[in-house]
Amino acid sequence: MAFDVSKLKTALRNVFSSMTDGDNAVFANGIANAIVAYVATGDVSTTDKGTVSGGYFEGSGTGKLTVTATACANILKTACDIMQTMTSGGADYLATQIGAGLDKMAEDGEVNTSVSGTLTPPSSSPSPYSGTAKGSISCSSTALVSALKTLFTQMYSKREQEGYDGDKDFADTFAEEIDSFWANGTVSTNGQGGLAGSTGSGSIS
């Protein structure tokens, strides 16, 4: 599988259409769960190399990034609750906290890969070698937050336009930014067991 932004857009639209005014938990949990499901469809790929116990290893890894919804959902729920008490700046505040929720989700995520390649012992010929690696992903929400702030301003200016669907606009733009958030992240892994000493670097898509 691989990331499919169109499915994420549909999932987010469904979240928004199921909401009622003030139902912040539905918004927060729906978004967080939709992102978790989206991440699960992505494929991690890495380039791995390093000196391990048997010699020098070079290869590549494939695997998955696993993330959870709870911490992100809590951040979003709290943000929505606070936003309702604000007299100004609520949209920018929400955008910032959405970014914080995604940052936390990425920070808590775990990458697991299966690695295969070639091991070159000090005094022997190269031979196939494989193992596993674990790691994390480093992402930045800066671009996402900026895009959401701009979007919220545009949504406010269009709110009286006949036929304007703010939920669709939000879902579609947000989905694109979520995709960029993960796709632009950097995956780092460390070899396990017989691959200890090897490190991997890559991405998810």
N, C-alpha and C. Protein backbone atom coordinates (compact mmCIF):
# COMPACT_ATOMS: atom_id res chain seq x y z
N MET A 1 0.84 -1.20 0.00
CA MET A 1 0.00 0.00 0.00
C MET A 1 0.88 1.25 0.00
N ALA A 2 0.23 2.38 -0.19
CA ALA A 2 0.93 3.66 -0.14
C ALA A 2 -0.10 4.73 0.18
N PHE A 3 0.38 5.88 0.58
CA PHE A 3 -0.52 6.97 0.94
C PHE A 3 -1.50 7.29 -0.19
N ASP A 4 -2.76 7.48 0.16
CA ASP A 4 -3.80 7.85 -0.80
C ASP A 4 -4.54 9.05 -0.22
N VAL A 5 -4.18 10.25 -0.69
CA VAL A 5 -4.73 11.48 -0.13
C VAL A 5 -6.25 11.56 -0.34
N SER A 6 -6.74 11.01 -1.43
CA SER A 6 -8.17 11.08 -1.70
C SER A 6 -8.97 10.36 -0.61
N LYS A 7 -8.45 9.25 -0.11
CA LYS A 7 -9.15 8.52 0.96
C LYS A 7 -9.10 9.31 2.27
N LEU A 8 -8.00 10.00 2.51
CA LEU A 8 -7.90 10.82 3.72
C LEU A 8 -8.88 11.99 3.64
N LYS A 9 -9.01 12.59 2.48
CA LYS A 9 -9.99 13.68 2.32
C LYS A 9 -11.40 13.19 2.65
N THR A 10 -11.73 12.02 2.15
CA THR A 10 -13.06 11.46 2.42
C THR A 10 -13.24 11.20 3.91
N ALA A 11 -12.22 10.64 4.54
CA ALA A 11 -12.31 10.35 5.98
C ALA A 11 -12.51 11.61 6.79
N LEU A 12 -11.79 12.68 6.44
CA LEU A 12 -11.93 13.94 7.17
C LEU A 12 -13.29 14.58 6.92
N ARG A 13 -13.77 14.50 5.70
CA ARG A 13 -15.11 15.04 5.41
C ARG A 13 -16.16 14.31 6.24
N ASN A 14 -15.99 13.01 6.38
CA ASN A 14 -16.94 12.24 7.19
C ASN A 14 -16.90 12.67 8.65
N VAL A 15 -15.71 12.99 9.15
CA VAL A 15 -15.60 13.48 10.52
C VAL A 15 -16.38 14.77 10.69
N PHE A 16 -16.18 15.69 9.77
CA PHE A 16 -16.84 16.99 9.88
C PHE A 16 -18.34 16.89 9.71
N SER A 17 -18.79 16.00 8.83
CA SER A 17 -20.23 15.86 8.60
C SER A 17 -20.93 15.20 9.78
N SER A 18 -20.18 14.46 10.60
CA SER A 18 -20.78 13.79 11.75
C SER A 18 -20.81 14.67 12.99
N MET A 19 -20.20 15.84 12.92
CA MET A 19 -20.11 16.71 14.08
C MET A 19 -21.41 17.49 14.30
N THR A 20 -21.63 17.83 15.55
CA THR A 20 -22.64 18.82 15.91
C THR A 20 -21.94 19.97 16.62
N ASP A 21 -22.57 21.12 16.69
CA ASP A 21 -21.94 22.29 17.30
C ASP A 21 -21.47 21.98 18.72
N GLY A 22 -20.21 22.30 18.98
CA GLY A 22 -19.67 22.13 20.32
C GLY A 22 -19.23 20.71 20.65
N ASP A 23 -19.35 19.80 19.70
CA ASP A 23 -18.96 18.41 19.97
C ASP A 23 -17.47 18.26 19.69
N ASN A 24 -16.67 18.79 20.60
CA ASN A 24 -15.23 18.85 20.40
C ASN A 24 -14.57 17.48 20.43
N ALA A 25 -15.12 16.55 21.20
CA ALA A 25 -14.54 15.22 21.29
C ALA A 25 -14.66 14.49 19.95
N VAL A 26 -15.77 14.64 19.27
CA VAL A 26 -15.96 14.01 17.97
C VAL A 26 -14.93 14.55 16.98
N PHE A 27 -14.74 15.86 16.99
CA PHE A 27 -13.76 16.50 16.11
C PHE A 27 -12.35 15.97 16.41
N ALA A 28 -11.96 16.02 17.68
CA ALA A 28 -10.60 15.66 18.06
C ALA A 28 -10.31 14.18 17.80
N ASN A 29 -11.19 13.31 18.27
CA ASN A 29 -10.97 11.88 18.08
C ASN A 29 -11.07 11.48 16.62
N GLY A 30 -12.01 12.09 15.91
CA GLY A 30 -12.17 11.76 14.50
C GLY A 30 -10.94 12.09 13.69
N ILE A 31 -10.40 13.29 13.91
CA ILE A 31 -9.20 13.70 13.17
C ILE A 31 -8.02 12.79 13.54
N ALA A 32 -7.80 12.60 14.83
CA ALA A 32 -6.65 11.79 15.26
C ALA A 32 -6.73 10.37 14.72
N ASN A 33 -7.91 9.77 14.78
CA ASN A 33 -8.06 8.40 14.28
C ASN A 33 -7.91 8.32 12.77
N ALA A 34 -8.38 9.35 12.06
CA ALA A 34 -8.21 9.37 10.61
C ALA A 34 -6.74 9.45 10.23
N ILE A 35 -5.97 10.22 10.98
CA ILE A 35 -4.53 10.34 10.70
C ILE A 35 -3.82 9.02 11.00
N VAL A 36 -4.18 8.39 12.11
CA VAL A 36 -3.57 7.10 12.45
C VAL A 36 -3.82 6.08 11.35
N ALA A 37 -5.05 6.02 10.86
CA ALA A 37 -5.39 5.08 9.79
C ALA A 37 -4.61 5.41 8.52
N TYR A 38 -4.43 6.69 8.25
CA TYR A 38 -3.69 7.12 7.06
C TYR A 38 -2.23 6.69 7.16
N VAL A 39 -1.61 6.94 8.30
CA VAL A 39 -0.21 6.59 8.49
C VAL A 39 0.00 5.08 8.31
N ALA A 40 -0.96 4.29 8.74
CA ALA A 40 -0.83 2.84 8.64
C ALA A 40 -0.75 2.36 7.19
N THR A 41 -1.23 3.17 6.25
CA THR A 41 -1.17 2.76 4.85
C THR A 41 0.16 3.11 4.20
N GLY A 42 0.99 3.89 4.88
CA GLY A 42 2.26 4.31 4.30
C GLY A 42 3.32 3.22 4.37
N ASP A 43 4.28 3.31 3.48
CA ASP A 43 5.39 2.37 3.44
C ASP A 43 6.69 3.09 3.75
N VAL A 44 7.43 2.59 4.72
CA VAL A 44 8.73 3.14 5.07
C VAL A 44 9.81 2.47 4.22
N SER A 45 10.74 3.26 3.74
CA SER A 45 11.91 2.69 3.04
C SER A 45 13.16 3.39 3.55
N THR A 46 14.20 2.61 3.75
CA THR A 46 15.45 3.15 4.29
C THR A 46 16.66 2.61 3.53
N THR A 47 17.73 3.36 3.60
CA THR A 47 19.04 2.89 3.16
C THR A 47 19.86 2.63 4.42
N ASP A 48 20.37 1.42 4.55
CA ASP A 48 21.03 0.99 5.78
C ASP A 48 22.48 0.61 5.52
N LYS A 49 23.34 0.98 6.48
CA LYS A 49 24.74 0.60 6.37
C LYS A 49 25.44 0.80 7.71
N GLY A 50 26.59 0.15 7.85
CA GLY A 50 27.37 0.31 9.06
C GLY A 50 28.16 -0.94 9.39
N THR A 51 29.05 -0.80 10.34
CA THR A 51 29.87 -1.92 10.78
C THR A 51 29.14 -2.69 11.87
N VAL A 52 28.86 -3.95 11.60
CA VAL A 52 28.16 -4.82 12.55
C VAL A 52 29.15 -5.88 13.03
N SER A 53 28.69 -6.80 13.87
CA SER A 53 29.61 -7.78 14.47
C SER A 53 30.33 -8.64 13.44
N GLY A 54 29.67 -8.90 12.32
CA GLY A 54 30.27 -9.80 11.32
C GLY A 54 31.06 -9.10 10.24
N GLY A 55 31.06 -7.77 10.22
CA GLY A 55 31.76 -7.05 9.18
C GLY A 55 31.01 -5.78 8.79
N TYR A 56 31.15 -5.39 7.53
CA TYR A 56 30.50 -4.16 7.08
C TYR A 56 29.23 -4.52 6.30
N PHE A 57 28.12 -3.89 6.69
CA PHE A 57 26.84 -4.19 6.07
C PHE A 57 26.35 -3.02 5.24
N GLU A 58 25.78 -3.35 4.08
CA GLU A 58 25.07 -2.37 3.25
C GLU A 58 23.79 -3.00 2.74
N GLY A 59 22.68 -2.27 2.85
CA GLY A 59 21.42 -2.82 2.38
C GLY A 59 20.31 -1.80 2.44
N SER A 60 19.09 -2.29 2.48
CA SER A 60 17.92 -1.41 2.52
C SER A 60 16.84 -2.05 3.38
N GLY A 61 15.96 -1.19 3.88
CA GLY A 61 14.89 -1.66 4.73
C GLY A 61 13.53 -1.23 4.25
N THR A 62 12.53 -2.03 4.56
CA THR A 62 11.14 -1.68 4.27
C THR A 62 10.32 -2.01 5.51
N GLY A 63 9.30 -1.19 5.76
CA GLY A 63 8.49 -1.47 6.94
C GLY A 63 7.39 -0.45 7.14
N LYS A 64 7.03 -0.26 8.41
CA LYS A 64 5.88 0.56 8.75
C LYS A 64 6.20 1.52 9.90
N LEU A 65 5.47 2.62 9.92
CA LEU A 65 5.46 3.55 11.04
C LEU A 65 4.14 3.35 11.79
N THR A 66 4.24 3.13 13.09
CA THR A 66 3.05 2.96 13.91
C THR A 66 2.88 4.18 14.81
N VAL A 67 1.70 4.78 14.78
CA VAL A 67 1.40 5.93 15.63
C VAL A 67 0.08 5.67 16.36
N THR A 68 -0.16 6.44 17.41
CA THR A 68 -1.39 6.30 18.18
C THR A 68 -2.13 7.62 18.24
N ALA A 69 -3.43 7.53 18.55
CA ALA A 69 -4.30 8.69 18.46
C ALA A 69 -4.45 9.48 19.75
N THR A 70 -4.29 8.84 20.90
CA THR A 70 -4.74 9.42 22.17
C THR A 70 -4.13 10.77 22.49
N ALA A 71 -2.81 10.89 22.44
CA ALA A 71 -2.15 12.14 22.81
C ALA A 71 -2.56 13.27 21.88
N CYS A 72 -2.59 13.00 20.59
CA CYS A 72 -3.00 14.00 19.61
C CYS A 72 -4.44 14.43 19.85
N ALA A 73 -5.32 13.46 20.06
CA ALA A 73 -6.73 13.77 20.30
C ALA A 73 -6.91 14.64 21.54
N ASN A 74 -6.14 14.35 22.58
CA ASN A 74 -6.24 15.15 23.81
C ASN A 74 -5.82 16.60 23.57
N ILE A 75 -4.76 16.78 22.80
CA ILE A 75 -4.31 18.14 22.48
C ILE A 75 -5.38 18.89 21.69
N LEU A 76 -5.98 18.23 20.72
CA LEU A 76 -7.01 18.87 19.89
C LEU A 76 -8.26 19.17 20.70
N LYS A 77 -8.67 18.24 21.54
CA LYS A 77 -9.86 18.45 22.37
C LYS A 77 -9.66 19.64 23.31
N THR A 78 -8.53 19.71 23.97
CA THR A 78 -8.23 20.83 24.86
C THR A 78 -8.21 22.14 24.10
N ALA A 79 -7.61 22.13 22.91
CA ALA A 79 -7.54 23.33 22.09
C ALA A 79 -8.94 23.82 21.71
N CYS A 80 -9.80 22.91 21.32
CA CYS A 80 -11.17 23.30 20.94
C CYS A 80 -11.93 23.86 22.13
N ASP A 81 -11.74 23.26 23.31
CA ASP A 81 -12.40 23.75 24.51
C ASP A 81 -11.95 25.18 24.85
N ILE A 82 -10.63 25.39 24.78
CA ILE A 82 -10.09 26.72 25.09
C ILE A 82 -10.50 27.74 24.03
N MET A 83 -10.48 27.32 22.78
CA MET A 83 -10.82 28.21 21.67
C MET A 83 -12.21 28.81 21.86
N GLN A 84 -13.13 28.04 22.40
CA GLN A 84 -14.51 28.51 22.58
C GLN A 84 -14.62 29.62 23.62
N THR A 85 -13.59 29.78 24.45
CA THR A 85 -13.60 30.84 25.47
C THR A 85 -12.85 32.08 25.02
N MET A 86 -12.20 32.00 23.86
CA MET A 86 -11.39 33.12 23.38
C MET A 86 -12.24 34.14 22.64
N THR A 87 -11.89 35.39 22.79
CA THR A 87 -12.61 36.47 22.09
C THR A 87 -11.93 36.84 20.78
N SER A 88 -10.68 36.45 20.61
CA SER A 88 -9.96 36.72 19.36
C SER A 88 -8.80 35.74 19.23
N GLY A 89 -8.33 35.56 18.01
CA GLY A 89 -7.16 34.71 17.77
C GLY A 89 -7.42 33.23 17.84
N GLY A 90 -8.69 32.84 17.90
CA GLY A 90 -9.00 31.43 18.06
C GLY A 90 -8.56 30.56 16.90
N ALA A 91 -8.71 31.07 15.68
CA ALA A 91 -8.35 30.27 14.51
C ALA A 91 -6.86 30.01 14.46
N ASP A 92 -6.06 31.03 14.71
CA ASP A 92 -4.60 30.84 14.72
C ASP A 92 -4.19 29.90 15.84
N TYR A 93 -4.84 30.03 16.97
CA TYR A 93 -4.54 29.14 18.10
C TYR A 93 -4.85 27.69 17.74
N LEU A 94 -6.00 27.46 17.12
CA LEU A 94 -6.37 26.10 16.73
C LEU A 94 -5.37 25.52 15.74
N ALA A 95 -4.95 26.33 14.76
CA ALA A 95 -3.98 25.86 13.78
C ALA A 95 -2.68 25.44 14.45
N THR A 96 -2.24 26.24 15.41
CA THR A 96 -1.00 25.94 16.12
C THR A 96 -1.13 24.64 16.91
N GLN A 97 -2.26 24.44 17.55
CA GLN A 97 -2.46 23.24 18.36
C GLN A 97 -2.66 21.99 17.51
N ILE A 98 -3.25 22.15 16.34
CA ILE A 98 -3.32 21.01 15.42
C ILE A 98 -1.90 20.57 15.06
N GLY A 99 -1.04 21.55 14.79
CA GLY A 99 0.36 21.23 14.52
C GLY A 99 1.03 20.54 15.70
N ALA A 100 0.73 21.02 16.92
CA ALA A 100 1.31 20.40 18.12
C ALA A 100 0.84 18.96 18.27
N GLY A 101 -0.42 18.71 17.94
CA GLY A 101 -0.95 17.36 18.01
C GLY A 101 -0.25 16.41 17.05
N LEU A 102 -0.01 16.88 15.85
CA LEU A 102 0.70 16.05 14.87
C LEU A 102 2.16 15.85 15.26
N ASP A 103 2.78 16.91 15.78
CA ASP A 103 4.17 16.77 16.24
C ASP A 103 4.28 15.71 17.32
N LYS A 104 3.33 15.71 18.25
CA LYS A 104 3.35 14.73 19.33
C LYS A 104 3.13 13.31 18.80
N MET A 105 2.22 13.19 17.84
CA MET A 105 1.97 11.88 17.25
C MET A 105 3.25 11.34 16.59
N ALA A 106 3.94 12.20 15.86
CA ALA A 106 5.19 11.78 15.22
C ALA A 106 6.26 11.44 16.24
N GLU A 107 6.36 12.28 17.28
CA GLU A 107 7.37 12.06 18.32
C GLU A 107 7.19 10.72 19.01
N ASP A 108 5.96 10.31 19.21
CA ASP A 108 5.67 9.06 19.90
C ASP A 108 5.65 7.84 18.98
N GLY A 109 5.78 8.06 17.67
CA GLY A 109 5.68 6.96 16.72
C GLY A 109 6.89 6.04 16.74
N GLU A 110 6.69 4.84 16.24
CA GLU A 110 7.78 3.86 16.17
C GLU A 110 7.85 3.25 14.78
N VAL A 111 9.05 3.20 14.24
CA VAL A 111 9.31 2.59 12.93
C VAL A 111 9.92 1.21 13.15
N ASN A 112 9.42 0.24 12.40
CA ASN A 112 10.00 -1.11 12.38
C ASN A 112 10.21 -1.52 10.93
N THR A 113 11.42 -1.98 10.62
CA THR A 113 11.73 -2.37 9.25
C THR A 113 12.38 -3.75 9.20
N SER A 114 12.19 -4.40 8.06
CA SER A 114 12.94 -5.61 7.72
C SER A 114 14.05 -5.18 6.76
N VAL A 115 15.26 -5.59 7.08
CA VAL A 115 16.43 -5.10 6.34
C VAL A 115 17.15 -6.26 5.67
N SER A 116 17.54 -6.04 4.43
CA SER A 116 18.33 -7.06 3.73
C SER A 116 19.41 -6.38 2.90
N GLY A 117 20.51 -7.09 2.73
CA GLY A 117 21.61 -6.51 1.96
C GLY A 117 22.80 -7.45 1.92
N THR A 118 23.99 -6.86 1.98
CA THR A 118 25.22 -7.63 1.84
C THR A 118 26.15 -7.38 3.02
N LEU A 119 26.67 -8.45 3.59
CA LEU A 119 27.65 -8.36 4.67
C LEU A 119 29.02 -8.71 4.12
N THR A 120 29.99 -7.84 4.36
CA THR A 120 31.37 -8.09 3.93
C THR A 120 32.25 -8.28 5.15
N PRO A 121 32.60 -9.53 5.48
CA PRO A 121 33.48 -9.79 6.62
C PRO A 121 34.89 -9.27 6.34
N PRO A 122 35.70 -9.10 7.39
CA PRO A 122 37.05 -8.55 7.20
C PRO A 122 37.92 -9.35 6.22
N SER A 123 37.76 -10.65 6.22
CA SER A 123 38.66 -11.47 5.38
C SER A 123 37.90 -12.50 4.57
N SER A 124 36.65 -12.21 4.22
CA SER A 124 35.85 -13.16 3.44
C SER A 124 35.10 -12.42 2.34
N SER A 125 34.49 -13.19 1.46
CA SER A 125 33.71 -12.61 0.37
C SER A 125 32.36 -12.12 0.88
N PRO A 126 31.78 -11.12 0.24
CA PRO A 126 30.46 -10.63 0.62
C PRO A 126 29.40 -11.72 0.49
N SER A 127 28.41 -11.67 1.36
CA SER A 127 27.32 -12.64 1.30
C SER A 127 26.03 -11.96 1.73
N PRO A 128 24.88 -12.51 1.32
CA PRO A 128 23.59 -11.93 1.71
C PRO A 128 23.44 -11.93 3.22
N TYR A 129 22.79 -10.90 3.73
CA TYR A 129 22.59 -10.77 5.17
C TYR A 129 21.31 -9.99 5.42
N SER A 130 20.60 -10.33 6.48
CA SER A 130 19.34 -9.64 6.75
C SER A 130 19.08 -9.57 8.25
N GLY A 131 18.12 -8.74 8.62
CA GLY A 131 17.75 -8.58 10.01
C GLY A 131 16.65 -7.55 10.15
N THR A 132 16.57 -6.95 11.31
CA THR A 132 15.53 -5.96 11.57
C THR A 132 16.13 -4.68 12.13
N ALA A 133 15.34 -3.62 12.07
CA ALA A 133 15.76 -2.34 12.62
C ALA A 133 14.55 -1.64 13.22
N LYS A 134 14.83 -0.78 14.19
CA LYS A 134 13.78 0.03 14.82
C LYS A 134 14.22 1.49 14.81
N GLY A 135 13.22 2.38 14.85
CA GLY A 135 13.59 3.78 14.87
C GLY A 135 12.40 4.70 15.01
N SER A 136 12.55 5.89 14.46
CA SER A 136 11.55 6.94 14.62
C SER A 136 11.51 7.81 13.39
N ILE A 137 10.57 8.77 13.41
CA ILE A 137 10.47 9.73 12.32
C ILE A 137 10.49 11.14 12.90
N SER A 138 11.18 12.02 12.21
CA SER A 138 11.26 13.42 12.63
C SER A 138 10.50 14.27 11.62
N CYS A 139 9.48 14.99 12.10
CA CYS A 139 8.63 15.79 11.22
C CYS A 139 8.54 17.22 11.76
N SER A 140 8.14 18.13 10.89
CA SER A 140 7.94 19.53 11.29
C SER A 140 6.55 19.98 10.86
N SER A 141 5.83 20.60 11.79
CA SER A 141 4.48 21.08 11.50
C SER A 141 4.45 22.53 11.03
N THR A 142 5.60 23.15 10.84
CA THR A 142 5.65 24.58 10.52
C THR A 142 4.83 24.92 9.28
N ALA A 143 5.04 24.19 8.19
CA ALA A 143 4.32 24.47 6.95
C ALA A 143 2.83 24.19 7.11
N LEU A 144 2.49 23.12 7.82
CA LEU A 144 1.08 22.78 8.05
C LEU A 144 0.36 23.88 8.82
N VAL A 145 0.98 24.36 9.89
CA VAL A 145 0.36 25.41 10.70
C VAL A 145 0.15 26.67 9.88
N SER A 146 1.16 27.05 9.10
CA SER A 146 1.05 28.24 8.27
C SER A 146 -0.08 28.10 7.25
N ALA A 147 -0.18 26.92 6.64
CA ALA A 147 -1.23 26.69 5.65
C ALA A 147 -2.62 26.74 6.28
N LEU A 148 -2.76 26.19 7.49
CA LEU A 148 -4.06 26.20 8.16
C LEU A 148 -4.46 27.61 8.57
N LYS A 149 -3.51 28.41 9.02
CA LYS A 149 -3.82 29.79 9.38
C LYS A 149 -4.36 30.54 8.16
N THR A 150 -3.70 30.35 7.03
CA THR A 150 -4.16 30.98 5.78
C THR A 150 -5.53 30.47 5.39
N LEU A 151 -5.72 29.16 5.50
CA LEU A 151 -7.00 28.55 5.15
C LEU A 151 -8.13 29.10 6.01
N PHE A 152 -7.93 29.19 7.32
CA PHE A 152 -8.98 29.67 8.21
C PHE A 152 -9.37 31.11 7.89
N THR A 153 -8.39 31.92 7.50
CA THR A 153 -8.69 33.30 7.09
C THR A 153 -9.54 33.31 5.83
N GLN A 154 -9.19 32.46 4.88
CA GLN A 154 -9.95 32.38 3.63
C GLN A 154 -11.36 31.84 3.88
N MET A 155 -11.47 30.86 4.76
CA MET A 155 -12.78 30.29 5.07
C MET A 155 -13.70 31.35 5.69
N TYR A 156 -13.15 32.18 6.53
CA TYR A 156 -13.95 33.23 7.17
C TYR A 156 -14.45 34.23 6.13
N SER A 157 -13.59 34.57 5.18
CA SER A 157 -13.98 35.55 4.16
C SER A 157 -15.00 34.99 3.18
N LYS A 158 -15.05 33.65 3.04
CA LYS A 158 -15.96 33.01 2.08
C LYS A 158 -17.25 32.51 2.73
N ARG A 159 -17.37 32.67 4.03
CA ARG A 159 -18.45 32.00 4.76
C ARG A 159 -19.84 32.39 4.28
N GLU A 160 -19.99 33.60 3.71
CA GLU A 160 -21.30 34.05 3.24
C GLU A 160 -21.55 33.75 1.78
N GLN A 161 -20.55 33.19 1.10
CA GLN A 161 -20.71 32.90 -0.32
C GLN A 161 -21.71 31.76 -0.52
N GLU A 162 -22.61 31.95 -1.46
CA GLU A 162 -23.61 30.93 -1.73
C GLU A 162 -22.95 29.65 -2.23
N GLY A 163 -23.29 28.54 -1.61
CA GLY A 163 -22.78 27.25 -2.03
C GLY A 163 -21.40 26.90 -1.50
N TYR A 164 -20.81 27.80 -0.70
CA TYR A 164 -19.48 27.52 -0.19
C TYR A 164 -19.55 26.43 0.88
N ASP A 165 -18.71 25.42 0.74
CA ASP A 165 -18.65 24.29 1.67
C ASP A 165 -17.35 24.37 2.44
N GLY A 166 -17.40 24.99 3.62
CA GLY A 166 -16.20 25.16 4.41
C GLY A 166 -15.62 23.85 4.91
N ASP A 167 -16.49 22.90 5.23
CA ASP A 167 -16.00 21.61 5.71
C ASP A 167 -15.17 20.91 4.63
N LYS A 168 -15.65 20.96 3.40
CA LYS A 168 -14.92 20.33 2.30
C LYS A 168 -13.60 21.04 2.07
N ASP A 169 -13.63 22.36 2.10
CA ASP A 169 -12.41 23.14 1.90
C ASP A 169 -11.38 22.79 2.97
N PHE A 170 -11.84 22.73 4.22
CA PHE A 170 -10.96 22.39 5.33
C PHE A 170 -10.41 20.98 5.17
N ALA A 171 -11.30 20.02 4.91
CA ALA A 171 -10.87 18.62 4.79
C ALA A 171 -9.85 18.44 3.68
N ASP A 172 -10.09 19.04 2.53
CA ASP A 172 -9.21 18.83 1.39
C ASP A 172 -7.83 19.46 1.61
N THR A 173 -7.82 20.68 2.11
CA THR A 173 -6.53 21.34 2.37
C THR A 173 -5.78 20.66 3.50
N PHE A 174 -6.50 20.32 4.56
CA PHE A 174 -5.89 19.66 5.70
C PHE A 174 -5.28 18.32 5.29
N ALA A 175 -5.98 17.56 4.46
CA ALA A 175 -5.47 16.27 4.01
C ALA A 175 -4.15 16.43 3.25
N GLU A 176 -4.10 17.41 2.39
CA GLU A 176 -2.87 17.65 1.63
C GLU A 176 -1.71 18.00 2.56
N GLU A 177 -2.00 18.80 3.58
CA GLU A 177 -0.95 19.20 4.52
C GLU A 177 -0.52 18.04 5.41
N ILE A 178 -1.46 17.19 5.79
CA ILE A 178 -1.11 16.00 6.57
C ILE A 178 -0.18 15.10 5.76
N ASP A 179 -0.50 14.92 4.49
CA ASP A 179 0.33 14.10 3.62
C ASP A 179 1.74 14.67 3.53
N SER A 180 1.85 15.98 3.36
CA SER A 180 3.18 16.61 3.27
C SER A 180 3.93 16.48 4.58
N PHE A 181 3.21 16.61 5.69
CA PHE A 181 3.83 16.50 7.01
C PHE A 181 4.58 15.18 7.15
N TRP A 182 3.91 14.08 6.80
CA TRP A 182 4.54 12.77 6.95
C TRP A 182 5.56 12.50 5.84
N ALA A 183 5.21 12.84 4.60
CA ALA A 183 6.09 12.53 3.47
C ALA A 183 7.41 13.29 3.54
N ASN A 184 7.42 14.46 4.17
CA ASN A 184 8.64 15.25 4.30
C ASN A 184 9.42 14.91 5.56
N GLY A 185 8.92 13.97 6.36
CA GLY A 185 9.63 13.56 7.56
C GLY A 185 10.84 12.70 7.23
N THR A 186 11.76 12.65 8.16
CA THR A 186 12.97 11.84 8.00
C THR A 186 12.95 10.66 8.96
N VAL A 187 13.04 9.47 8.40
CA VAL A 187 13.06 8.24 9.20
C VAL A 187 14.51 7.90 9.55
N SER A 188 14.72 7.55 10.81
CA SER A 188 16.04 7.10 11.26
C SER A 188 15.86 5.79 12.02
N THR A 189 16.71 4.81 11.71
CA THR A 189 16.60 3.51 12.37
C THR A 189 17.96 3.02 12.85
N ASN A 190 17.91 2.07 13.80
CA ASN A 190 19.10 1.40 14.29
C ASN A 190 18.90 -0.11 14.15
N GLY A 191 19.91 -0.77 13.62
CA GLY A 191 19.84 -2.21 13.46
C GLY A 191 19.73 -2.92 14.79
N GLN A 192 19.01 -4.03 14.78
CA GLN A 192 18.80 -4.83 15.98
C GLN A 192 19.54 -6.17 15.86
N GLY A 193 19.89 -6.77 17.01
CA GLY A 193 20.53 -8.08 16.99
C GLY A 193 21.80 -8.09 16.18
N GLY A 194 21.86 -8.97 15.19
CA GLY A 194 23.04 -9.07 14.35
C GLY A 194 23.31 -7.86 13.49
N LEU A 195 22.33 -6.96 13.38
CA LEU A 195 22.54 -5.73 12.61
C LEU A 195 22.87 -4.54 13.52
N ALA A 196 23.10 -4.78 14.80
CA ALA A 196 23.50 -3.69 15.70
C ALA A 196 24.79 -3.06 15.19
N GLY A 197 24.78 -1.74 15.07
CA GLY A 197 25.90 -1.02 14.47
C GLY A 197 25.56 -0.45 13.12
N SER A 198 24.52 -1.00 12.51
CA SER A 198 24.02 -0.46 11.24
C SER A 198 22.95 0.59 11.52
N THR A 199 22.95 1.64 10.74
CA THR A 199 21.91 2.67 10.87
C THR A 199 21.21 2.86 9.53
N GLY A 200 19.95 3.28 9.61
CA GLY A 200 19.18 3.50 8.39
C GLY A 200 18.61 4.90 8.34
N SER A 201 18.43 5.40 7.14
CA SER A 201 17.83 6.71 6.93
C SER A 201 16.89 6.62 5.74
N GLY A 202 15.70 7.24 5.87
CA GLY A 202 14.76 7.14 4.77
C GLY A 202 13.52 7.98 4.99
N SER A 203 12.41 7.47 4.46
CA SER A 203 11.18 8.25 4.47
C SER A 203 9.98 7.31 4.45
N ILE A 204 8.79 7.91 4.52
CA ILE A 204 7.54 7.16 4.39
C ILE A 204 6.71 7.79 3.29
N SER A 205 6.03 6.96 2.53
CA SER A 205 5.22 7.49 1.42
C SER A 205 4.03 6.55 1.17
